[in-house]
Amino acid sequence: MSKPFHFKQFSITQAKTAMKIGTDGVLLGAWASIKHQPNSILDIGAGTGVISLQLAQRSSAELIDAIEIDNNAYEDCVTNFENSIWNDRLFCYHASLQEFVDEIDESYDLIISNPPFFEPQNNIKSSARTNARFTNSLNYKELLYSANQLLNQNGKFCVIIPYLNEAEFLDIAQNFELFPAEILHVKGHKNSPIKRSLICLEHELKTPVEVTELTIEIERHQYTTEYFNLVKDFYLKL
């Protein structure tokens, strides 16, 4: 059985879910913009709920909703929300994004998502893990359409995707009148290629877009100052 993952102010039970704690989710939870002081937050594809819990720690938002379609991940997420000191602000819906959009009347000041990625190969069997990792379970068009429907006019939508998909993602976003305000490019170490794009979208078109770069490690387990400063409030060993 998988042991709980302990952060500084909360713990994550991940015994049931196929997708365990990873760098991507924690990066997004630490980076997502709260400069506009969101009062309502939505986490699309919450998994174990780590990003929602990070935003509960970072913000004073009174309402933090999460959506998770996988039953096992949903059960872990509910457990993690209930065990946190912010349990009165956190709620997880067991539903698909499409169902949620059809049924909910809420709109949100901040939407966050660490969506499925990597296109599936024909020889990979269907499983909870492949659904969580591959874009066949939630494509960018559906994600951006839904974000546009659920986002307040002055809200922000923050997402982490593979860098190789950035141009495609931004093209689709523009069709839904969502435009980049900030982009962070992430690489593992200084000599490695950019692997991830963290993107903050808004309804208002702004130029120029603020583009920055983050390198995670100087060498194995020796972290850059920039990465340390971004995640130091969360990881126990930093």
Protein backbone atom coordinates (compact mmCIF):
# COMPACT_ATOMS: atom_id res chain seq x y z
CA MET A 1 0.00 0.00 0.00
CA SER A 2 1.24 3.47 -0.92
CA LYS A 3 2.22 5.60 2.07
CA PRO A 4 0.79 9.11 2.53
CA PHE A 5 2.87 11.92 1.06
CA HIS A 6 3.42 14.59 3.68
CA PHE A 7 3.67 18.27 2.81
CA LYS A 8 4.33 21.04 5.33
CA GLN A 9 0.68 21.84 6.00
CA PHE A 10 -1.23 18.83 4.63
CA SER A 11 -0.84 15.17 3.69
CA ILE A 12 -1.90 13.26 0.60
CA THR A 13 -3.32 9.76 0.77
CA GLN A 14 -2.75 8.12 -2.62
CA ALA A 15 -3.46 4.47 -1.86
CA LYS A 16 -6.23 4.05 -4.44
CA THR A 17 -5.40 6.37 -7.31
CA ALA A 18 -3.36 5.27 -10.34
CA MET A 19 -1.60 8.63 -10.57
CA LYS A 20 0.70 9.49 -7.69
CA ILE A 21 2.14 12.84 -6.59
CA GLY A 22 4.31 14.36 -9.30
CA THR A 23 6.33 17.50 -9.92
CA ASP A 24 3.87 18.89 -12.48
CA GLY A 25 0.93 19.25 -10.13
CA VAL A 26 2.99 20.77 -7.33
CA LEU A 27 4.58 23.24 -9.76
CA LEU A 28 1.17 24.38 -10.99
CA GLY A 29 -0.24 24.65 -7.46
CA ALA A 30 2.70 26.82 -6.44
CA TRP A 31 2.78 28.97 -9.60
CA ALA A 32 -0.91 29.61 -10.40
CA SER A 33 -1.67 33.30 -10.09
CA ILE A 34 -3.63 34.52 -7.06
CA LYS A 35 -2.70 38.17 -7.53
CA HIS A 36 -6.36 38.92 -8.27
CA GLN A 37 -7.33 37.39 -4.88
CA PRO A 38 -9.74 34.71 -6.14
CA ASN A 39 -12.71 33.93 -3.92
CA SER A 40 -13.78 30.87 -5.94
CA ILE A 41 -11.46 28.24 -7.44
CA LEU A 42 -12.09 25.17 -9.62
CA ASP A 43 -9.59 22.30 -10.05
CA ILE A 44 -10.34 20.29 -13.23
CA GLY A 45 -9.11 16.68 -12.99
CA ALA A 46 -8.13 16.98 -9.35
CA GLY A 47 -6.56 13.55 -8.86
CA THR A 48 -5.62 13.32 -5.18
CA GLY A 49 -6.47 17.00 -4.66
CA VAL A 50 -2.92 18.26 -4.17
CA ILE A 51 -3.33 21.39 -6.32
CA SER A 52 -6.60 22.32 -4.58
CA LEU A 53 -4.92 21.91 -1.22
CA GLN A 54 -1.98 24.08 -2.29
CA LEU A 55 -4.42 26.81 -3.36
CA ALA A 56 -6.26 26.46 -0.04
CA GLN A 57 -2.92 27.03 1.70
CA ARG A 58 -1.93 29.97 -0.53
CA SER A 59 -5.23 31.82 -0.83
CA SER A 60 -8.20 32.97 1.21
CA ALA A 61 -10.71 31.65 -1.35
CA GLU A 62 -13.94 30.66 0.39
CA LEU A 63 -14.94 28.13 -2.28
CA ILE A 64 -12.55 25.56 -3.77
CA ASP A 65 -14.31 22.98 -5.96
CA ALA A 66 -12.64 20.03 -7.63
CA ILE A 67 -13.80 17.60 -10.34
CA GLU A 68 -12.49 14.04 -10.63
CA ILE A 69 -13.97 11.38 -12.92
CA ASP A 70 -11.93 8.36 -11.74
CA ASN A 71 -13.58 6.65 -8.78
CA ASN A 72 -10.39 5.70 -6.94
CA ALA A 73 -8.81 9.14 -7.35
CA TYR A 74 -12.08 10.73 -6.27
CA GLU A 75 -12.12 8.67 -3.04
CA ASP A 76 -8.52 9.66 -2.25
CA CYS A 77 -9.31 13.30 -3.01
CA VAL A 78 -12.32 13.34 -0.68
CA THR A 79 -10.22 11.76 2.09
CA ASN A 80 -7.47 14.33 1.62
CA PHE A 81 -9.92 17.23 1.67
CA GLU A 82 -11.66 15.93 4.79
CA ASN A 83 -8.34 15.43 6.61
CA SER A 84 -7.08 18.94 5.87
CA ILE A 85 -7.46 22.02 8.05
CA TRP A 86 -9.33 23.68 5.15
CA ASN A 87 -12.02 21.01 4.83
CA ASP A 88 -14.82 23.57 5.12
CA ARG A 89 -13.61 25.28 1.91
CA LEU A 90 -12.95 22.20 -0.24
CA PHE A 91 -15.42 20.01 -2.14
CA CYS A 92 -14.86 17.32 -4.78
CA TYR A 93 -17.44 16.36 -7.43
CA HIS A 94 -17.38 12.83 -8.86
CA ALA A 95 -18.21 13.73 -12.46
CA SER A 96 -16.82 14.32 -15.92
CA LEU A 97 -16.03 17.87 -16.92
CA GLN A 98 -18.80 17.74 -19.52
CA GLU A 99 -21.36 16.71 -16.88
CA PHE A 100 -20.15 19.42 -14.54
CA VAL A 101 -20.47 22.15 -17.18
CA ASP A 102 -24.00 21.02 -18.03
CA GLU A 103 -25.18 20.94 -14.42
CA ILE A 104 -23.34 23.70 -12.54
CA ASP A 105 -24.42 27.34 -12.39
CA GLU A 106 -21.24 28.54 -10.66
CA SER A 107 -18.53 30.61 -12.30
CA TYR A 108 -15.02 30.86 -10.90
CA ASP A 109 -12.32 33.48 -10.33
CA LEU A 110 -9.54 30.92 -10.89
CA ILE A 111 -9.55 27.61 -12.74
CA ILE A 112 -6.58 25.27 -12.57
CA SER A 113 -5.87 22.03 -14.43
CA ASN A 114 -3.07 19.51 -14.80
CA PRO A 115 -4.81 17.79 -17.73
CA PRO A 116 -4.15 14.41 -19.36
CA PHE A 117 -1.28 14.40 -21.83
CA PHE A 118 0.75 12.22 -24.19
CA GLU A 119 -1.16 10.77 -27.10
CA PRO A 120 -2.02 7.06 -26.57
CA GLN A 121 -0.34 4.36 -28.61
CA ASN A 122 -2.37 1.54 -30.12
CA ASN A 123 -0.58 -1.10 -28.05
CA ILE A 124 -1.31 0.55 -24.68
CA LYS A 125 -4.23 -1.00 -22.83
CA SER A 126 -6.92 1.13 -21.25
CA SER A 127 -6.54 1.71 -17.52
CA ALA A 128 -7.02 4.39 -14.90
CA ARG A 129 -3.40 5.46 -15.40
CA THR A 130 -3.70 5.77 -19.18
CA ASN A 131 -6.90 7.78 -18.80
CA ALA A 132 -5.13 10.10 -16.41
CA ARG A 133 -2.08 10.50 -18.66
CA PHE A 134 -3.47 10.48 -22.19
CA THR A 135 -5.44 13.13 -24.01
CA ASN A 136 -8.12 10.71 -25.26
CA SER A 137 -10.02 11.18 -21.98
CA LEU A 138 -10.08 15.01 -22.14
CA ASN A 139 -8.79 16.89 -25.15
CA TYR A 140 -7.66 20.50 -25.21
CA LYS A 141 -10.72 21.72 -27.13
CA GLU A 142 -13.11 20.30 -24.52
CA LEU A 143 -10.96 21.64 -21.69
CA LEU A 144 -10.76 25.16 -23.12
CA TYR A 145 -14.44 25.27 -24.08
CA SER A 146 -15.36 24.29 -20.53
CA ALA A 147 -12.93 26.75 -18.96
CA ASN A 148 -14.43 29.53 -21.07
CA GLN A 149 -17.91 28.56 -19.89
CA LEU A 150 -16.96 28.41 -16.21
CA LEU A 151 -14.52 31.32 -15.89
CA ASN A 152 -15.57 34.74 -14.60
CA GLN A 153 -14.94 37.62 -16.98
CA ASN A 154 -11.97 38.79 -14.90
CA GLY A 155 -10.86 35.28 -13.94
CA LYS A 156 -7.69 33.36 -14.74
CA PHE A 157 -7.23 29.82 -16.10
CA CYS A 158 -3.87 28.23 -15.22
CA VAL A 159 -2.69 24.98 -16.78
CA ILE A 160 0.44 22.86 -17.21
CA ILE A 161 1.01 21.05 -20.52
CA PRO A 162 3.91 19.57 -22.49
CA TYR A 163 5.97 22.34 -24.11
CA LEU A 164 5.59 20.65 -27.50
CA ASN A 165 1.82 21.25 -27.31
CA GLU A 166 2.05 24.93 -26.36
CA ALA A 167 1.44 26.45 -29.81
CA GLU A 168 -1.50 24.13 -30.51
CA PHE A 169 -3.01 24.83 -27.09
CA LEU A 170 -2.75 28.61 -27.50
CA ASP A 171 -4.30 28.45 -30.98
CA ILE A 172 -7.31 26.57 -29.59
CA ALA A 173 -7.52 28.91 -26.58
CA GLN A 174 -7.74 31.94 -28.87
CA ASN A 175 -10.84 30.41 -30.52
CA PHE A 176 -12.53 30.53 -27.10
CA GLU A 177 -11.34 34.10 -26.45
CA LEU A 178 -8.79 32.99 -23.87
CA PHE A 179 -5.39 34.65 -24.20
CA PRO A 180 -2.03 34.10 -22.46
CA ALA A 181 -1.00 36.59 -19.78
CA GLU A 182 1.93 34.63 -18.32
CA ILE A 183 3.91 31.61 -19.52
CA LEU A 184 6.58 29.70 -17.58
CA HIS A 185 8.84 27.28 -19.44
CA VAL A 186 10.28 24.50 -17.28
CA LYS A 187 13.37 22.34 -17.88
CA GLY A 188 14.91 19.67 -15.66
CA HIS A 189 18.46 21.10 -15.73
CA LYS A 190 20.26 23.80 -17.69
CA ASN A 191 21.38 21.54 -20.53
CA SER A 192 18.04 19.76 -20.99
CA PRO A 193 15.27 20.85 -23.38
CA ILE A 194 12.15 22.66 -22.16
CA LYS A 195 9.65 19.98 -21.08
CA ARG A 196 6.64 21.83 -19.64
CA SER A 197 4.70 25.02 -20.23
CA LEU A 198 2.72 26.60 -17.40
CA ILE A 199 0.22 28.99 -18.95
CA CYS A 200 -2.09 31.56 -17.36
CA LEU A 201 -4.98 32.51 -19.65
CA GLU A 202 -7.41 35.43 -19.36
CA HIS A 203 -10.34 36.74 -21.38
CA GLU A 204 -8.49 40.00 -22.07
CA LEU A 205 -5.85 40.11 -24.78
CA LYS A 206 -2.62 41.53 -23.36
CA THR A 207 0.69 42.28 -25.03
CA PRO A 208 3.42 41.56 -24.49
CA VAL A 209 2.97 38.19 -22.79
CA GLU A 210 5.25 37.67 -19.78
CA VAL A 211 7.41 34.61 -20.62
CA THR A 212 9.91 33.30 -18.06
CA GLU A 213 11.98 30.13 -17.66
CA LEU A 214 12.56 27.85 -14.66
CA THR A 215 15.28 25.23 -14.28
CA ILE A 216 14.58 22.68 -11.55
CA GLU A 217 18.00 21.15 -10.77
CA ILE A 218 21.63 22.22 -10.91
CA GLU A 219 22.48 18.53 -10.53
CA ARG A 220 20.68 15.53 -9.10
CA HIS A 221 18.79 16.58 -5.92
CA GLN A 222 20.52 19.98 -5.92
CA TYR A 223 17.79 22.47 -6.71
CA THR A 224 18.04 25.93 -8.20
CA THR A 225 17.19 28.94 -6.05
CA GLU A 226 14.23 29.75 -8.32
CA TYR A 227 12.70 26.29 -7.93
CA PHE A 228 13.38 26.27 -4.19
CA ASN A 229 11.65 29.63 -3.74
CA LEU A 230 8.63 28.48 -5.76
CA VAL A 231 7.94 25.25 -3.83
CA LYS A 232 9.58 25.81 -0.42
CA ASP A 233 6.23 26.43 1.34
CA PHE A 234 5.07 22.91 0.44
CA TYR A 235 7.80 20.25 0.42
CA LEU A 236 8.90 19.05 3.85
CA LYS A 237 12.54 18.51 2.85
CA LEU A 238 13.05 21.95 1.31
